Amino acid sequence: MTRPRPPKRTLDSYTIKGISKTIKPGDCVLMRAPDARRQPYVAKVEGIEEAGRRRVRVRVRWYYRPEESIGGRRRFHGAKEVFLSDHYDVQSADTIEGKCVVHSFKDYTKLDAVGSEDFFCRFEYLSKTGTFIPDRIAVFCKCEMPYNPDDLMIQCESCSDWGLRRGAEDNSTDDILELVGCVD
């Protein structure tokens, strides 16, 4: 006869092994990928439970990187951009490598310095259908692409249009305005 499983017990928090940082539901974490050559996965902790014999499991909601979505990475996706998905999972807490922060796009663009633990999200990704919410996004540039916070943009003082500063690092203001297509 098999022994009954001990009941699962909901935990308020969990201390990550090796780094002694505490997480709780609502926090975002970096989770070890099975392939050590890959970047850690980003997830939002939805719940924490002890599953017997001191095994702790976390219920997570995954963030996808652009290259993990249907359509892949596009030019306007930032290097630290992730999409909150409808993909939930239960994982061993032992796979948590550390805490991270997923900012709103607006808050991310206001950061004085972006650290390795900082990410941003401006889309929700429906993994079963490959669709995004919102399905449209404002464009701010003459190239009619959404804003990528990794690219410096400048605003023309005469027409108030925005343009990318790509390839203009050593140019004068007039040269930059010409590069973005705004010259009087």
Protein backbone atom coordinates (compact mmCIF):
# COMPACT_ATOMS: atom_id res chain seq x y z
CA MET A 1 0.00 0.00 0.00
CA THR A 2 1.33 3.43 -0.91
CA ARG A 3 1.67 6.12 1.66
CA PRO A 4 -0.60 9.11 1.17
CA ARG A 5 1.08 12.27 -0.02
CA PRO A 6 1.45 14.94 2.61
CA PRO A 7 -0.85 17.89 2.02
CA LYS A 8 0.56 20.86 0.14
CA ARG A 9 1.11 23.89 2.30
CA THR A 10 0.92 27.42 0.90
CA LEU A 11 3.92 29.56 1.83
CA ASP A 12 4.04 33.35 2.12
CA SER A 13 7.67 33.52 1.00
CA TYR A 14 10.75 31.54 0.03
CA THR A 15 14.45 32.30 0.46
CA ILE A 16 16.42 31.59 -2.72
CA LYS A 17 19.23 29.13 -2.03
CA GLY A 18 22.74 30.46 -2.49
CA ILE A 19 21.87 34.17 -2.55
CA SER A 20 19.60 34.51 0.50
CA LYS A 21 17.07 36.76 -1.23
CA THR A 22 13.45 36.29 -0.30
CA ILE A 23 10.65 36.11 -2.84
CA LYS A 24 6.91 36.24 -2.41
CA PRO A 25 3.92 35.98 -4.75
CA GLY A 26 3.94 38.93 -7.15
CA ASP A 27 7.75 39.07 -7.40
CA CYS A 28 9.56 38.41 -10.66
CA VAL A 29 12.38 35.90 -10.81
CA LEU A 30 15.06 34.56 -13.12
CA MET A 31 14.80 30.79 -13.58
CA ARG A 32 17.60 28.56 -14.78
CA ALA A 33 17.15 27.30 -18.34
CA PRO A 34 17.77 23.57 -18.93
CA ASP A 35 20.48 24.50 -21.45
CA ALA A 36 23.23 26.38 -19.57
CA ARG A 37 24.10 28.33 -22.74
CA ARG A 38 20.68 30.03 -22.74
CA GLN A 39 19.67 33.12 -20.80
CA PRO A 40 17.60 32.48 -17.67
CA TYR A 41 13.85 32.56 -18.11
CA VAL A 42 11.86 35.45 -16.62
CA ALA A 43 8.72 34.60 -14.63
CA LYS A 44 6.24 36.17 -12.24
CA VAL A 45 5.64 34.18 -9.05
CA GLU A 46 1.92 33.49 -8.62
CA GLY A 47 2.19 31.18 -5.62
CA ILE A 48 4.61 29.20 -3.45
CA GLU A 49 3.90 25.83 -1.86
CA GLU A 50 5.71 23.22 0.14
CA ALA A 51 5.06 19.86 -1.46
CA GLY A 52 6.36 17.61 1.31
CA ARG A 53 9.86 16.59 2.41
CA ARG A 54 10.96 20.22 2.22
CA ARG A 55 10.39 20.38 -1.53
CA VAL A 56 9.21 23.84 -2.50
CA ARG A 57 7.45 24.52 -5.77
CA VAL A 58 6.48 27.83 -7.34
CA ARG A 59 3.54 28.50 -9.60
CA VAL A 60 4.74 30.98 -12.22
CA ARG A 61 3.43 32.98 -15.13
CA TRP A 62 6.07 33.11 -17.83
CA TYR A 63 7.39 36.15 -19.62
CA TYR A 64 8.50 35.45 -23.19
CA ARG A 65 11.41 37.18 -24.88
CA PRO A 66 10.60 38.48 -28.38
CA GLU A 67 12.63 35.71 -30.04
CA GLU A 68 10.49 33.11 -28.21
CA SER A 69 7.27 34.45 -29.71
CA ILE A 70 5.70 33.79 -33.08
CA GLY A 71 7.10 36.49 -35.35
CA GLY A 72 10.35 36.71 -33.40
CA ARG A 73 12.39 39.74 -32.45
CA ARG A 74 11.63 42.93 -34.37
CA ARG A 75 13.74 46.07 -34.73
CA PHE A 76 11.69 48.02 -32.20
CA HIS A 77 11.99 45.41 -29.43
CA GLY A 78 14.37 46.48 -26.71
CA ALA A 79 17.16 44.21 -25.52
CA LYS A 80 15.46 43.92 -22.10
CA GLU A 81 11.90 43.60 -23.42
CA VAL A 82 9.71 40.69 -22.31
CA PHE A 83 6.03 39.87 -22.89
CA LEU A 84 3.74 38.73 -20.07
CA SER A 85 2.19 35.50 -21.36
CA ASP A 86 -0.85 33.38 -20.64
CA HIS A 87 1.49 30.43 -20.01
CA TYR A 88 1.44 29.19 -16.40
CA ASP A 89 3.59 26.43 -14.96
CA VAL A 90 4.75 24.85 -11.70
CA GLN A 91 8.51 24.59 -11.18
CA SER A 92 10.90 23.57 -8.44
CA ALA A 93 12.02 26.58 -6.41
CA ASP A 94 15.56 25.21 -6.77
CA THR A 95 15.60 26.49 -10.38
CA ILE A 96 15.30 30.13 -9.25
CA GLU A 97 18.59 31.96 -9.87
CA GLY A 98 17.59 35.36 -8.56
CA LYS A 99 15.09 38.16 -8.38
CA CYS A 100 14.47 40.64 -11.16
CA VAL A 101 12.16 43.58 -11.79
CA VAL A 102 9.84 43.83 -14.78
CA HIS A 103 8.93 47.48 -15.17
CA SER A 104 6.16 49.03 -17.20
CA PHE A 105 7.51 50.55 -20.41
CA LYS A 106 6.90 54.05 -19.05
CA ASP A 107 8.76 53.36 -15.78
CA TYR A 108 11.63 51.63 -17.60
CA THR A 109 12.24 54.65 -19.82
CA LYS A 110 12.57 56.80 -16.68
CA LEU A 111 15.29 54.67 -15.05
CA ASP A 112 18.56 56.51 -14.49
CA ALA A 113 20.51 53.28 -14.93
CA VAL A 114 19.34 49.88 -16.18
CA GLY A 115 20.77 46.95 -14.26
CA SER A 116 21.08 43.31 -15.24
CA GLU A 117 17.95 42.57 -13.19
CA ASP A 118 15.79 45.20 -14.96
CA PHE A 119 13.37 44.27 -17.76
CA PHE A 120 10.31 45.95 -19.25
CA CYS A 121 6.97 44.81 -20.59
CA ARG A 122 4.55 46.67 -22.85
CA PHE A 123 2.66 43.72 -24.35
CA GLU A 124 0.76 40.71 -23.13
CA TYR A 125 1.40 37.66 -25.32
CA LEU A 126 -1.22 34.99 -25.91
CA SER A 127 1.00 31.97 -26.51
CA LYS A 128 -1.68 29.67 -27.91
CA THR A 129 -2.61 32.06 -30.72
CA GLY A 130 0.59 34.11 -31.06
CA THR A 131 -1.32 37.37 -30.64
CA PHE A 132 -0.49 40.44 -28.58
CA ILE A 133 -2.48 42.76 -26.34
CA PRO A 134 -2.53 45.57 -27.30
CA ASP A 135 -2.33 44.59 -30.95
CA ARG A 136 -1.25 48.12 -31.93
CA ILE A 137 1.29 50.49 -30.50
CA ALA A 138 2.01 54.17 -31.03
CA VAL A 139 4.84 55.14 -33.34
CA PHE A 140 7.13 58.06 -32.52
CA CYS A 141 9.59 58.19 -35.36
CA LYS A 142 9.82 59.26 -38.98
CA CYS A 143 10.51 55.59 -39.76
CA GLU A 144 7.02 54.78 -38.38
CA MET A 145 8.36 52.20 -35.94
CA PRO A 146 7.43 51.97 -32.25
CA TYR A 147 9.94 53.36 -29.79
CA ASN A 148 12.87 51.15 -28.84
CA PRO A 149 14.34 52.47 -25.57
CA ASP A 150 17.78 51.20 -26.62
CA ASP A 151 17.86 53.76 -29.46
CA LEU A 152 18.38 57.43 -28.72
CA MET A 153 15.67 59.58 -30.28
CA ILE A 154 15.71 63.33 -30.77
CA GLN A 155 12.87 65.76 -31.24
CA CYS A 156 13.08 68.48 -33.88
CA GLU A 157 12.56 71.88 -32.29
CA SER A 158 10.89 73.30 -35.39
CA CYS A 159 8.35 70.59 -36.25
CA SER A 160 8.29 68.51 -33.00
CA ASP A 161 8.70 65.25 -34.95
CA TRP A 162 10.84 62.52 -33.42
CA GLY A 163 13.62 60.64 -35.16
CA LEU A 164 16.18 57.97 -34.39
CA ARG A 165 19.73 59.02 -33.83
CA ARG A 166 21.11 55.79 -35.39
CA GLY A 167 24.54 56.30 -36.90
CA ALA A 168 24.68 59.90 -35.72
CA GLU A 169 26.89 59.59 -32.63
CA ASP A 170 29.58 61.99 -33.84
CA ASN A 171 27.40 64.36 -35.87
CA SER A 172 26.33 67.94 -35.21
CA THR A 173 22.72 68.78 -34.39
CA ASP A 174 22.09 69.92 -37.97
CA ASP A 175 23.53 66.66 -39.32
CA ILE A 176 21.34 64.67 -36.93
CA LEU A 177 18.21 66.56 -38.00
CA GLU A 178 19.10 65.83 -41.60
CA LEU A 179 19.54 62.13 -40.77
CA VAL A 180 16.04 61.99 -39.27
CA GLY A 181 14.62 63.80 -42.27
CA CYS A 182 13.80 67.17 -40.74
CA VAL A 183 15.61 70.08 -42.29
CA ASP A 184 14.19 73.51 -43.01
